[in-house]
Amino acid sequence: MRWANQGVSVDDGALPGLQRIGFVRSVRTPQFEGITFHEVLCKSALNKVPNAAMLPFRYTVNGYRGCSHACRYCFARPTHEYLDLDCGTDFDTQVIVKTNVAEVLRRELHRKSWQRETVALGTNTDPYQRAEGRYALMPGIIAALADSGTPFSILTKGTLLRRDLPLIAEAAERVDVSVAISLAVGDPELHKDVEPGTPSPQARLGLIAAIREAGLDCHVMVAPVLPRLTDSVEHLDDLLGRIAAAGANGVTVFGLHLRGSTRGWFMSWLSRSHPELVAEYRQLYGRGAYLPSDYREMLHDRVTPLVHKHKLAPDRRSFRTAETPAVETPQVVQPTLF
């Protein structure tokens, strides 16, 4: 069924926040029940990361804002508030689509001032969320980067990446390309509850295998680890073993961070699904967004032998995202990164 027949509406002034980013129209379709896509025309595609972020890349591209993956812990939730949308249900169901992002990116990459620095894809919302199956923004983004000689990295939970494996493999022959899959919850029931819109753990393990079969390296973000839910030796050992069996080259492991309004949204879910853990989480995060150092050191000590056991390579910093602590205390061995 064509998008043109699926509940298209023009701007009626009810979404003032979207006016700031070139709102064109809203689209609803039975194929995505409960989700509204707001199509916009962006003025720029490359986002420069502030120097203070201390990340291993300075530029990102995000074709979408909001994410139907609906992960309860997603650090990007507060970004929806800039658009006068809320960080909870709106973030999961009101998805902004930059329909012209590939065209704008191609123009920006051909500026004489562009130094062909690495561009990170998937650092905010997932570039291969379900909407990508309809809007297909990523092929144009990948082609623009490769044609300009710009290296890039991709981080995703979405199995839609399979569609673009030939294009990514071809790009990797011309520029440096890094691919990473996010997979932190191995338990099927917990996965359905905490990451309700994402492909299953088994599907993502299959994606890892497909990436390796395409001749590409594949790193896995085992993050965020959820205290008392996914941090047991048994869960981590089983998950890392399956990741290794799928052919992954290495892993990065770190614990849950709860920043800004994401904290309230996650804690609301926790109180419904695991009320017995609420008091413990309040204690763990009583002093801020990050887990206390003793917990991080415990997690480090727990995961290190498992990473070695399954012969997985250590952390590759090109896959650090905004979820990763921006600054580590120099005197402390980085306990949540592998």
C-alpha atoms as a PDB file:
ATOM      1  CA  MET A   1       0.000   0.000   0.000  1.00  0.00           C
ATOM      2  CA  ARG A   2       1.368   3.352  -1.000  1.00  0.00           C
ATOM      3  CA  TRP A   3       2.318   5.925   1.627  1.00  0.00           C
ATOM      4  CA  ALA A   4       0.229   8.500  -0.264  1.00  0.00           C
ATOM      5  CA  ASN A   5      -2.926   6.630   0.747  1.00  0.00           C
ATOM      6  CA  GLN A   6      -2.039   6.238   4.420  1.00  0.00           C
ATOM      7  CA  GLY A   7      -3.399   9.055   6.546  1.00  0.00           C
ATOM      8  CA  VAL A   8      -1.218  11.903   5.277  1.00  0.00           C
ATOM      9  CA  SER A   9      -1.833  15.265   6.892  1.00  0.00           C
ATOM     10  CA  VAL A  10      -0.315  18.672   6.384  1.00  0.00           C
ATOM     11  CA  ASP A  11       0.901  20.931   9.166  1.00  0.00           C
ATOM     12  CA  ASP A  12      -1.957  22.383  11.194  1.00  0.00           C
ATOM     13  CA  GLY A  13       0.198  24.268  13.666  1.00  0.00           C
ATOM     14  CA  ALA A  14      -0.288  21.662  16.383  1.00  0.00           C
ATOM     15  CA  LEU A  15       3.376  20.680  16.462  1.00  0.00           C
ATOM     16  CA  PRO A  16       5.241  23.956  16.986  1.00  0.00           C
ATOM     17  CA  GLY A  17       8.508  22.229  17.905  1.00  0.00           C
ATOM     18  CA  LEU A  18       8.680  20.567  14.502  1.00  0.00           C
ATOM     19  CA  GLN A  19       8.431  23.926  12.756  1.00  0.00           C
ATOM     20  CA  ARG A  20      12.013  24.566  13.803  1.00  0.00           C
ATOM     21  CA  ILE A  21      13.307  21.636  11.768  1.00  0.00           C
ATOM     22  CA  GLY A  22      11.506  21.998   8.447  1.00  0.00           C
ATOM     23  CA  PHE A  23       8.261  20.077   9.035  1.00  0.00           C
ATOM     24  CA  VAL A  24       6.521  18.948   5.811  1.00  0.00           C
ATOM     25  CA  ARG A  25       3.821  16.440   6.707  1.00  0.00           C
ATOM     26  CA  SER A  26       2.793  13.614   9.059  1.00  0.00           C
ATOM     27  CA  VAL A  27       2.219  10.054   7.867  1.00  0.00           C
ATOM     28  CA  ARG A  28       0.366   7.168   9.503  1.00  0.00           C
ATOM     29  CA  THR A  29      -0.104   3.681   8.099  1.00  0.00           C
ATOM     30  CA  PRO A  30      -1.619   0.400   9.321  1.00  0.00           C
ATOM     31  CA  GLN A  31       1.774  -1.227   8.760  1.00  0.00           C
ATOM     32  CA  PHE A  32       3.082   0.823  11.698  1.00  0.00           C
ATOM     33  CA  GLU A  33       0.088   0.857  14.005  1.00  0.00           C
ATOM     34  CA  GLY A  34       0.349   3.510  16.700  1.00  0.00           C
ATOM     35  CA  ILE A  35       3.330   5.269  15.105  1.00  0.00           C
ATOM     36  CA  THR A  36       3.304   8.629  13.347  1.00  0.00           C
ATOM     37  CA  PHE A  37       6.120   9.653  11.042  1.00  0.00           C
ATOM     38  CA  HIS A  38       6.795  13.371  10.755  1.00  0.00           C
ATOM     39  CA  GLU A  39       8.653  14.081   7.532  1.00  0.00           C
ATOM     40  CA  VAL A  40      11.015  17.054   7.607  1.00  0.00           C
ATOM     41  CA  LEU A  41      13.500  18.678   5.271  1.00  0.00           C
ATOM     42  CA  CYS A  42      16.759  19.169   7.134  1.00  0.00           C
ATOM     43  CA  LYS A  43      19.120  22.054   6.448  1.00  0.00           C
ATOM     44  CA  SER A  44      22.214  20.140   7.547  1.00  0.00           C
ATOM     45  CA  ALA A  45      23.107  16.459   7.889  1.00  0.00           C
ATOM     46  CA  LEU A  46      26.508  16.445   9.574  1.00  0.00           C
ATOM     47  CA  ASN A  47      26.372  17.039  13.316  1.00  0.00           C
ATOM     48  CA  LYS A  48      29.583  18.155  15.012  1.00  0.00           C
ATOM     49  CA  VAL A  49      30.105  16.595  18.434  1.00  0.00           C
ATOM     50  CA  PRO A  50      31.146  19.087  21.130  1.00  0.00           C
ATOM     51  CA  ASN A  51      34.790  18.740  22.130  1.00  0.00           C
ATOM     52  CA  ALA A  52      33.694  18.297  25.736  1.00  0.00           C
ATOM     53  CA  ALA A  53      32.034  14.993  24.866  1.00  0.00           C
ATOM     54  CA  MET A  54      35.434  13.256  24.734  1.00  0.00           C
ATOM     55  CA  LEU A  55      34.240  10.819  22.073  1.00  0.00           C
ATOM     56  CA  PRO A  56      36.475   9.157  19.454  1.00  0.00           C
ATOM     57  CA  PHE A  57      34.590  10.794  16.582  1.00  0.00           C
ATOM     58  CA  ARG A  58      33.699  14.401  15.877  1.00  0.00           C
ATOM     59  CA  TYR A  59      30.840  13.991  13.404  1.00  0.00           C
ATOM     60  CA  THR A  60      27.589  12.062  13.312  1.00  0.00           C
ATOM     61  CA  VAL A  61      24.630  11.696  10.968  1.00  0.00           C
ATOM     62  CA  ASN A  62      21.157  10.810  12.231  1.00  0.00           C
ATOM     63  CA  GLY A  63      18.391  10.281   9.700  1.00  0.00           C
ATOM     64  CA  TYR A  64      15.756   9.792  12.401  1.00  0.00           C
ATOM     65  CA  ARG A  65      14.781  11.341  15.718  1.00  0.00           C
ATOM     66  CA  GLY A  66      12.699   9.184  18.019  1.00  0.00           C
ATOM     67  CA  CYS A  67      12.814   5.412  17.739  1.00  0.00           C
ATOM     68  CA  SER A  68      10.199   2.678  17.506  1.00  0.00           C
ATOM     69  CA  HIS A  69      12.604   0.270  19.219  1.00  0.00           C
ATOM     70  CA  ALA A  70      11.154   1.761  22.425  1.00  0.00           C
ATOM     71  CA  CYS A  71      14.051   0.661  24.657  1.00  0.00           C
ATOM     72  CA  ARG A  72      13.095   1.688  28.179  1.00  0.00           C
ATOM     73  CA  TYR A  73      16.625   2.898  28.960  1.00  0.00           C
ATOM     74  CA  CYS A  74      17.415   4.818  25.760  1.00  0.00           C
ATOM     75  CA  PHE A  75      19.715   7.757  26.554  1.00  0.00           C
ATOM     76  CA  ALA A  76      18.412   9.752  23.558  1.00  0.00           C
ATOM     77  CA  ARG A  77      14.897  10.173  24.947  1.00  0.00           C
ATOM     78  CA  PRO A  78      15.420  13.738  26.248  1.00  0.00           C
ATOM     79  CA  THR A  79      16.207  14.951  22.703  1.00  0.00           C
ATOM     80  CA  HIS A  80      12.488  14.776  21.880  1.00  0.00           C
ATOM     81  CA  GLU A  81      11.724  17.472  24.416  1.00  0.00           C
ATOM     82  CA  TYR A  82      13.385  20.067  22.173  1.00  0.00           C
ATOM     83  CA  LEU A  83      10.570  19.369  19.711  1.00  0.00           C
ATOM     84  CA  ASP A  84       7.867  19.899  22.346  1.00  0.00           C
ATOM     85  CA  LEU A  85       7.327  16.130  22.456  1.00  0.00           C
ATOM     86  CA  ASP A  86       7.753  13.988  25.543  1.00  0.00           C
ATOM     87  CA  CYS A  87      10.612  11.605  26.248  1.00  0.00           C
ATOM     88  CA  GLY A  88       8.331   8.615  26.834  1.00  0.00           C
ATOM     89  CA  THR A  89       5.512   7.512  24.565  1.00  0.00           C
ATOM     90  CA  ASP A  90       6.166  10.323  22.068  1.00  0.00           C
ATOM     91  CA  PHE A  91       9.782   9.222  21.659  1.00  0.00           C
ATOM     92  CA  ASP A  92       8.588   5.685  20.849  1.00  0.00           C
ATOM     93  CA  THR A  93       5.715   6.656  18.551  1.00  0.00           C
ATOM     94  CA  GLN A  94       6.428  10.106  17.039  1.00  0.00           C
ATOM     95  CA  VAL A  95       9.388   9.518  14.719  1.00  0.00           C
ATOM     96  CA  ILE A  96      11.024  12.377  12.838  1.00  0.00           C
ATOM     97  CA  VAL A  97      12.270  11.429   9.353  1.00  0.00           C
ATOM     98  CA  LYS A  98      14.823  13.641   7.585  1.00  0.00           C
ATOM     99  CA  THR A  99      13.714  12.687   4.095  1.00  0.00           C
ATOM    100  CA  ASN A 100      16.408  14.699   2.311  1.00  0.00           C
ATOM    101  CA  VAL A 101      19.298  13.761   4.596  1.00  0.00           C
ATOM    102  CA  ALA A 102      21.329  11.893   1.952  1.00  0.00           C
ATOM    103  CA  GLU A 103      21.091  14.753  -0.545  1.00  0.00           C
ATOM    104  CA  VAL A 104      22.124  17.338   2.047  1.00  0.00           C
ATOM    105  CA  LEU A 105      24.938  15.119   3.316  1.00  0.00           C
ATOM    106  CA  ARG A 106      26.353  14.675  -0.180  1.00  0.00           C
ATOM    107  CA  ARG A 107      26.525  18.455  -0.608  1.00  0.00           C
ATOM    108  CA  GLU A 108      28.246  18.904   2.756  1.00  0.00           C
ATOM    109  CA  LEU A 109      30.814  16.177   2.059  1.00  0.00           C
ATOM    110  CA  HIS A 110      31.848  17.876  -1.184  1.00  0.00           C
ATOM    111  CA  ARG A 111      32.788  21.128   0.488  1.00  0.00           C
ATOM    112  CA  LYS A 112      36.456  21.972   0.143  1.00  0.00           C
ATOM    113  CA  SER A 113      36.659  22.391   3.904  1.00  0.00           C
ATOM    114  CA  TRP A 114      35.612  18.789   4.604  1.00  0.00           C
ATOM    115  CA  GLN A 115      38.597  16.806   5.944  1.00  0.00           C
ATOM    116  CA  ARG A 116      37.086  13.322   5.571  1.00  0.00           C
ATOM    117  CA  GLU A 117      36.954  12.629   9.275  1.00  0.00           C
ATOM    118  CA  THR A 118      35.160   9.516  10.508  1.00  0.00           C
ATOM    119  CA  VAL A 119      31.375   9.879  10.669  1.00  0.00           C
ATOM    120  CA  ALA A 120      29.421   7.808  13.210  1.00  0.00           C
ATOM    121  CA  LEU A 121      25.952   6.489  12.339  1.00  0.00           C
ATOM    122  CA  GLY A 122      23.660   5.225  15.088  1.00  0.00           C
ATOM    123  CA  THR A 123      24.971   7.266  17.988  1.00  0.00           C
ATOM    124  CA  ASN A 124      21.593   8.812  18.815  1.00  0.00           C
ATOM    125  CA  THR A 125      18.619   6.850  17.476  1.00  0.00           C
ATOM    126  CA  ASP A 126      18.922   3.628  15.501  1.00  0.00           C
ATOM    127  CA  PRO A 127      19.505   4.114  11.745  1.00  0.00           C
ATOM    128  CA  TYR A 128      17.974   0.682  11.058  1.00  0.00           C
ATOM    129  CA  GLN A 129      14.787   1.006  13.087  1.00  0.00           C
ATOM    130  CA  ARG A 130      11.641  -0.244  11.344  1.00  0.00           C
ATOM    131  CA  ALA A 131      11.005   3.032   9.505  1.00  0.00           C
ATOM    132  CA  GLU A 132      14.176   2.452   7.500  1.00  0.00           C
ATOM    133  CA  GLY A 133      12.418  -0.383   5.692  1.00  0.00           C
ATOM    134  CA  ARG A 134      10.124   2.219   4.131  1.00  0.00           C
ATOM    135  CA  TYR A 135      12.208   5.364   3.909  1.00  0.00           C
ATOM    136  CA  ALA A 136      15.526   3.696   2.966  1.00  0.00           C
ATOM    137  CA  LEU A 137      17.702   6.623   4.037  1.00  0.00           C
ATOM    138  CA  MET A 138      20.805   4.553   4.762  1.00  0.00           C
ATOM    139  CA  PRO A 139      21.745   3.485   1.211  1.00  0.00           C
ATOM    140  CA  GLY A 140      21.989   7.136   0.198  1.00  0.00           C
ATOM    141  CA  ILE A 141      23.930   8.036   3.342  1.00  0.00           C
ATOM    142  CA  ILE A 142      26.393   5.159   2.881  1.00  0.00           C
ATOM    143  CA  ALA A 143      26.885   5.961  -0.802  1.00  0.00           C
ATOM    144  CA  ALA A 144      27.492   9.649  -0.078  1.00  0.00           C
ATOM    145  CA  LEU A 145      30.125   8.813   2.532  1.00  0.00           C
ATOM    146  CA  ALA A 146      31.915   6.229   0.404  1.00  0.00           C
ATOM    147  CA  ASP A 147      31.846   8.368  -2.758  1.00  0.00           C
ATOM    148  CA  SER A 148      33.461  11.251  -0.866  1.00  0.00           C
ATOM    149  CA  GLY A 149      36.170   9.063   0.660  1.00  0.00           C
ATOM    150  CA  THR A 150      34.795   9.492   4.190  1.00  0.00           C
ATOM    151  CA  PRO A 151      35.268   6.632   6.696  1.00  0.00           C
ATOM    152  CA  PHE A 152      32.267   5.743   8.838  1.00  0.00           C
ATOM    153  CA  SER A 153      30.959   3.485  11.584  1.00  0.00           C
ATOM    154  CA  ILE A 154      27.511   1.958  12.073  1.00  0.00           C
ATOM    155  CA  LEU A 155      25.949   0.925  15.381  1.00  0.00           C
ATOM    156  CA  THR A 156      22.526  -0.737  15.328  1.00  0.00           C
ATOM    157  CA  LYS A 157      20.109  -3.220  16.852  1.00  0.00           C
ATOM    158  CA  GLY A 158      18.224  -3.459  13.563  1.00  0.00           C
ATOM    159  CA  THR A 159      18.356  -6.518  11.324  1.00  0.00           C
ATOM    160  CA  LEU A 160      17.410  -4.259   8.401  1.00  0.00           C
ATOM    161  CA  LEU A 161      21.169  -3.786   8.064  1.00  0.00           C
ATOM    162  CA  ARG A 162      21.169  -7.114   6.177  1.00  0.00           C
ATOM    163  CA  ARG A 163      19.608  -5.331   3.214  1.00  0.00           C
ATOM    164  CA  ASP A 164      22.617  -3.042   2.902  1.00  0.00           C
ATOM    165  CA  LEU A 165      25.414  -5.567   3.491  1.00  0.00           C
ATOM    166  CA  PRO A 166      26.490  -5.614  -0.185  1.00  0.00           C
ATOM    167  CA  LEU A 167      26.615  -1.805  -0.212  1.00  0.00           C
ATOM    168  CA  ILE A 168      28.535  -1.687   3.078  1.00  0.00           C
ATOM    169  CA  ALA A 169      30.997  -4.337   1.912  1.00  0.00           C
ATOM    170  CA  GLU A 170      31.578  -2.401  -1.307  1.00  0.00           C
ATOM    171  CA  ALA A 171      32.103   0.810   0.661  1.00  0.00           C
ATOM    172  CA  ALA A 172      34.635  -0.988   2.877  1.00  0.00           C
ATOM    173  CA  GLU A 173      36.801  -1.554  -0.197  1.00  0.00           C
ATOM    174  CA  ARG A 174      37.143   2.217  -0.569  1.00  0.00           C
ATOM    175  CA  VAL A 175      37.035   3.629   2.969  1.00  0.00           C
ATOM    176  CA  ASP A 176      37.468   2.411   6.533  1.00  0.00           C
ATOM    177  CA  VAL A 177      34.125   0.999   7.714  1.00  0.00           C
ATOM    178  CA  SER A 178      33.298  -0.257  11.222  1.00  0.00           C
ATOM    179  CA  VAL A 179      30.120  -2.180  12.016  1.00  0.00           C
ATOM    180  CA  ALA A 180      28.793  -2.892  15.511  1.00  0.00           C
ATOM    181  CA  ILE A 181      25.663  -4.592  16.804  1.00  0.00           C
ATOM    182  CA  SER A 182      24.059  -3.745  20.142  1.00  0.00           C
ATOM    183  CA  LEU A 183      23.008  -6.847  22.086  1.00  0.00           C
ATOM    184  CA  ALA A 184      22.852  -6.746  25.876  1.00  0.00           C
ATOM    185  CA  VAL A 185      19.801  -8.828  26.809  1.00  0.00           C
ATOM    186  CA  GLY A 186      19.930 -12.540  26.126  1.00  0.00           C
ATOM    187  CA  ASP A 187      16.786 -13.554  27.996  1.00  0.00           C
ATOM    188  CA  PRO A 188      13.829 -13.604  25.530  1.00  0.00           C
ATOM    189  CA  GLU A 189      11.184 -12.572  28.072  1.00  0.00           C
ATOM    190  CA  LEU A 190      13.190  -9.704  29.528  1.00  0.00           C
ATOM    191  CA  HIS A 191      14.033  -8.605  25.994  1.00  0.00           C
ATOM    192  CA  LYS A 192      10.346  -8.325  25.087  1.00  0.00           C
ATOM    193  CA  ASP A 193       9.727  -6.183  28.150  1.00  0.00           C
ATOM    194  CA  VAL A 194      12.721  -3.843  28.147  1.00  0.00           C
ATOM    195  CA  GLU A 195      13.349  -3.573  24.366  1.00  0.00           C
ATOM    196  CA  PRO A 196       9.864  -4.251  22.959  1.00  0.00           C
ATOM    197  CA  GLY A 197      10.407  -2.859  19.467  1.00  0.00           C
ATOM    198  CA  THR A 198      13.773  -4.456  18.694  1.00  0.00           C
ATOM    199  CA  PRO A 199      14.595  -7.659  16.825  1.00  0.00           C
ATOM    200  CA  SER A 200      15.024 -10.682  19.080  1.00  0.00           C
ATOM    201  CA  PRO A 201      18.422 -11.650  20.505  1.00  0.00           C
ATOM    202  CA  GLN A 202      18.478 -14.658  18.169  1.00  0.00           C
ATOM    203  CA  ALA A 203      17.787 -12.448  15.157  1.00  0.00           C
ATOM    204  CA  ARG A 204      20.665 -10.166  16.100  1.00  0.00           C
ATOM    205  CA  LEU A 205      22.994 -13.130  16.545  1.00  0.00           C
ATOM    206  CA  GLY A 206      22.029 -14.132  13.018  1.00  0.00           C
ATOM    207  CA  LEU A 207      22.856 -10.607  11.860  1.00  0.00           C
ATOM    208  CA  ILE A 208      26.310 -10.852  13.430  1.00  0.00           C
ATOM    209  CA  ALA A 209      26.914 -14.063  11.493  1.00  0.00           C
ATOM    210  CA  ALA A 210      25.687 -12.450   8.266  1.00  0.00           C
ATOM    211  CA  ILE A 211      28.035  -9.485   8.727  1.00  0.00           C
ATOM    212  CA  ARG A 212      30.987 -11.837   9.170  1.00  0.00           C
ATOM    213  CA  GLU A 213      29.917 -13.886   6.145  1.00  0.00           C
ATOM    214  CA  ALA A 214      29.951 -10.659   4.127  1.00  0.00           C
ATOM    215  CA  GLY A 215      33.651 -10.312   4.957  1.00  0.00           C
ATOM    216  CA  LEU A 216      33.247  -7.528   7.500  1.00  0.00           C
ATOM    217  CA  ASP A 217      34.414  -7.379  11.099  1.00  0.00           C
ATOM    218  CA  CYS A 218      31.647  -7.121  13.670  1.00  0.00           C
ATOM    219  CA  HIS A 219      31.956  -5.652  17.152  1.00  0.00           C
ATOM    220  CA  VAL A 220      29.190  -6.085  19.728  1.00  0.00           C
ATOM    221  CA  MET A 221      28.048  -3.580  22.319  1.00  0.00           C
ATOM    222  CA  VAL A 222      26.933  -5.594  25.344  1.00  0.00           C
ATOM    223  CA  ALA A 223      25.411  -2.468  26.808  1.00  0.00           C
ATOM    224  CA  PRO A 224      23.787  -1.376  28.864  1.00  0.00           C
ATOM    225  CA  VAL A 225      24.139  -4.085  31.476  1.00  0.00           C
ATOM    226  CA  LEU A 226      21.143  -3.777  33.826  1.00  0.00           C
ATOM    227  CA  PRO A 227      21.991  -4.245  37.511  1.00  0.00           C
ATOM    228  CA  ARG A 228      20.394  -7.375  39.017  1.00  0.00           C
ATOM    229  CA  LEU A 229      18.686  -8.137  35.698  1.00  0.00           C
ATOM    230  CA  THR A 230      21.463  -8.896  33.204  1.00  0.00           C
ATOM    231  CA  ASP A 231      24.634  -8.666  35.292  1.00  0.00           C
ATOM    232  CA  SER A 232      24.812 -12.229  36.641  1.00  0.00           C
ATOM    233  CA  VAL A 233      27.732 -14.454  35.680  1.00  0.00           C
ATOM    234  CA  GLU A 234      25.276 -16.915  34.173  1.00  0.00           C
ATOM    235  CA  HIS A 235      23.601 -14.349  31.915  1.00  0.00           C
ATOM    236  CA  LEU A 236      26.849 -12.728  30.806  1.00  0.00           C
ATOM    237  CA  ASP A 237      28.611 -16.042  30.210  1.00  0.00           C
ATOM    238  CA  ASP A 238      25.740 -17.369  28.121  1.00  0.00           C
ATOM    239  CA  LEU A 239      25.373 -14.159  26.099  1.00  0.00           C
ATOM    240  CA  LEU A 240      29.085 -13.724  25.443  1.00  0.00           C
ATOM    241  CA  GLY A 241      29.325 -17.363  24.434  1.00  0.00           C
ATOM    242  CA  ARG A 242      26.540 -16.963  21.884  1.00  0.00           C
ATOM    243  CA  ILE A 243      28.073 -13.735  20.588  1.00  0.00           C
ATOM    244  CA  ALA A 244      31.415 -15.468  20.119  1.00  0.00           C
ATOM    245  CA  ALA A 245      29.759 -18.455  18.404  1.00  0.00           C
ATOM    246  CA  ALA A 246      28.084 -16.063  15.965  1.00  0.00           C
ATOM    247  CA  GLY A 247      31.543 -14.878  14.915  1.00  0.00           C
ATOM    248  CA  ALA A 248      31.872 -11.464  16.560  1.00  0.00           C
ATOM    249  CA  ASN A 249      35.385 -10.061  16.730  1.00  0.00           C
ATOM    250  CA  GLY A 250      35.072  -8.287  20.071  1.00  0.00           C
ATOM    251  CA  VAL A 251      32.806  -6.717  22.646  1.00  0.00           C
ATOM    252  CA  THR A 252      32.333  -3.579  24.689  1.00  0.00           C
ATOM    253  CA  VAL A 253      30.566  -3.991  28.040  1.00  0.00           C
ATOM    254  CA  PHE A 254      29.328  -1.246  30.346  1.00  0.00           C
ATOM    255  CA  GLY A 255      26.544  -0.679  32.839  1.00  0.00           C
ATOM    256  CA  LEU A 256      23.321   1.289  32.601  1.00  0.00           C
ATOM    257  CA  HIS A 257      23.404   5.089  32.695  1.00  0.00           C
ATOM    258  CA  LEU A 258      20.273   7.050  33.596  1.00  0.00           C
ATOM    259  CA  ARG A 259      20.533  10.673  32.500  1.00  0.00           C
ATOM    260  CA  GLY A 260      17.905  13.370  32.396  1.00  0.00           C
ATOM    261  CA  SER A 261      14.303  12.398  31.819  1.00  0.00           C
ATOM    262  CA  THR A 262      15.325   8.889  30.746  1.00  0.00           C
ATOM    263  CA  ARG A 263      15.739   8.161  34.449  1.00  0.00           C
ATOM    264  CA  GLY A 264      12.068   8.748  35.248  1.00  0.00           C
ATOM    265  CA  TRP A 265      10.854   6.763  32.237  1.00  0.00           C
ATOM    266  CA  PHE A 266      13.068   3.788  33.085  1.00  0.00           C
ATOM    267  CA  MET A 267      12.191   3.865  36.779  1.00  0.00           C
ATOM    268  CA  SER A 268       8.500   3.935  35.915  1.00  0.00           C
ATOM    269  CA  TRP A 269       8.976   0.749  33.880  1.00  0.00           C
ATOM    270  CA  LEU A 270      11.025  -0.823  36.660  1.00  0.00           C
ATOM    271  CA  SER A 271       8.316  -0.119  39.230  1.00  0.00           C
ATOM    272  CA  ARG A 272       5.792  -1.973  37.043  1.00  0.00           C
ATOM    273  CA  SER A 273       7.924  -4.904  35.953  1.00  0.00           C
ATOM    274  CA  HIS A 274      10.378  -5.349  38.830  1.00  0.00           C
ATOM    275  CA  PRO A 275       9.113  -3.401  41.845  1.00  0.00           C
ATOM    276  CA  GLU A 276      11.411  -5.369  44.146  1.00  0.00           C
ATOM    277  CA  LEU A 277      14.409  -3.637  42.531  1.00  0.00           C
ATOM    278  CA  VAL A 278      13.230  -0.021  42.797  1.00  0.00           C
ATOM    279  CA  ALA A 279      14.841   0.676  46.174  1.00  0.00           C
ATOM    280  CA  GLU A 280      18.134  -0.846  45.060  1.00  0.00           C
ATOM    281  CA  TYR A 281      18.221   1.209  41.863  1.00  0.00           C
ATOM    282  CA  ARG A 282      17.485   4.367  43.805  1.00  0.00           C
ATOM    283  CA  GLN A 283      20.470   3.596  45.972  1.00  0.00           C
ATOM    284  CA  LEU A 284      22.726   2.736  43.021  1.00  0.00           C
ATOM    285  CA  TYR A 285      21.831   5.945  41.167  1.00  0.00           C
ATOM    286  CA  GLY A 286      21.364   8.110  44.226  1.00  0.00           C
ATOM    287  CA  ARG A 287      24.361  10.304  43.408  1.00  0.00           C
ATOM    288  CA  GLY A 288      23.956  10.735  39.676  1.00  0.00           C
ATOM    289  CA  ALA A 289      23.471   9.166  36.272  1.00  0.00           C
ATOM    290  CA  TYR A 290      26.298   6.638  36.479  1.00  0.00           C
ATOM    291  CA  LEU A 291      26.786   3.527  38.536  1.00  0.00           C
ATOM    292  CA  PRO A 292      29.085   3.923  41.551  1.00  0.00           C
ATOM    293  CA  SER A 293      32.737   2.956  41.163  1.00  0.00           C
ATOM    294  CA  ASP A 294      32.464  -0.171  43.330  1.00  0.00           C
ATOM    295  CA  TYR A 295      29.733  -1.574  41.092  1.00  0.00           C
ATOM    296  CA  ARG A 296      31.708  -0.749  37.938  1.00  0.00           C
ATOM    297  CA  GLU A 297      34.771  -2.440  39.372  1.00  0.00           C
ATOM    298  CA  MET A 298      32.684  -5.489  40.248  1.00  0.00           C
ATOM    299  CA  LEU A 299      31.343  -5.637  36.709  1.00  0.00           C
ATOM    300  CA  HIS A 300      34.856  -5.311  35.311  1.00  0.00           C
ATOM    301  CA  ASP A 301      36.106  -8.174  37.464  1.00  0.00           C
ATOM    302  CA  ARG A 302      33.128 -10.296  36.509  1.00  0.00           C
ATOM    303  CA  VAL A 303      33.289  -9.720  32.769  1.00  0.00           C
ATOM    304  CA  THR A 304      37.054  -9.751  32.139  1.00  0.00           C
ATOM    305  CA  PRO A 305      37.558 -13.530  32.544  1.00  0.00           C
ATOM    306  CA  LEU A 306      34.435 -14.211  30.481  1.00  0.00           C
ATOM    307  CA  VAL A 307      35.699 -12.039  27.618  1.00  0.00           C
ATOM    308  CA  HIS A 308      38.988 -13.965  27.683  1.00  0.00           C
ATOM    309  CA  LYS A 309      37.186 -17.294  27.986  1.00  0.00           C
ATOM    310  CA  HIS A 310      35.245 -16.675  24.796  1.00  0.00           C
ATOM    311  CA  LYS A 311      38.282 -15.238  22.971  1.00  0.00           C
ATOM    312  CA  LEU A 312      36.664 -11.906  22.218  1.00  0.00           C
ATOM    313  CA  ALA A 313      38.810  -8.876  21.462  1.00  0.00           C
ATOM    314  CA  PRO A 314      38.849  -5.866  23.821  1.00  0.00           C
ATOM    315  CA  ASP A 315      37.029  -2.589  23.392  1.00  0.00           C
ATOM    316  CA  ARG A 316      37.307  -0.669  20.127  1.00  0.00           C
ATOM    317  CA  ARG A 317      36.798   2.991  20.985  1.00  0.00           C
ATOM    318  CA  SER A 318      35.261   3.892  17.620  1.00  0.00           C
ATOM    319  CA  PHE A 319      32.038   2.372  18.935  1.00  0.00           C
ATOM    320  CA  ARG A 320      31.710   4.474  22.058  1.00  0.00           C
ATOM    321  CA  THR A 321      28.397   6.288  22.007  1.00  0.00           C
ATOM    322  CA  ALA A 322      26.782   9.011  24.015  1.00  0.00           C
ATOM    323  CA  GLU A 323      25.807   6.300  26.507  1.00  0.00           C
ATOM    324  CA  THR A 324      29.441   5.824  27.481  1.00  0.00           C
ATOM    325  CA  PRO A 325      30.755   8.009  30.315  1.00  0.00           C
ATOM    326  CA  ALA A 326      32.300  11.051  28.690  1.00  0.00           C
ATOM    327  CA  VAL A 327      35.193  11.293  31.141  1.00  0.00           C
ATOM    328  CA  GLU A 328      36.866   8.576  33.183  1.00  0.00           C
ATOM    329  CA  THR A 329      38.925   9.395  36.270  1.00  0.00           C
ATOM    330  CA  PRO A 330      42.558   8.996  35.132  1.00  0.00           C
ATOM    331  CA  GLN A 331      43.582   7.115  38.285  1.00  0.00           C
ATOM    332  CA  VAL A 332      40.913   4.473  37.854  1.00  0.00           C
ATOM    333  CA  VAL A 333      41.273   1.623  35.374  1.00  0.00           C
ATOM    334  CA  GLN A 334      38.268   2.013  33.085  1.00  0.00           C
ATOM    335  CA  PRO A 335      36.097  -0.619  34.734  1.00  0.00           C
ATOM    336  CA  THR A 336      33.098  -0.674  32.406  1.00  0.00           C
ATOM    337  CA  LEU A 337      34.820  -0.824  29.031  1.00  0.00           C
ATOM    338  CA  PHE A 338      36.199  -3.900  27.294  1.00  0.00           C
END
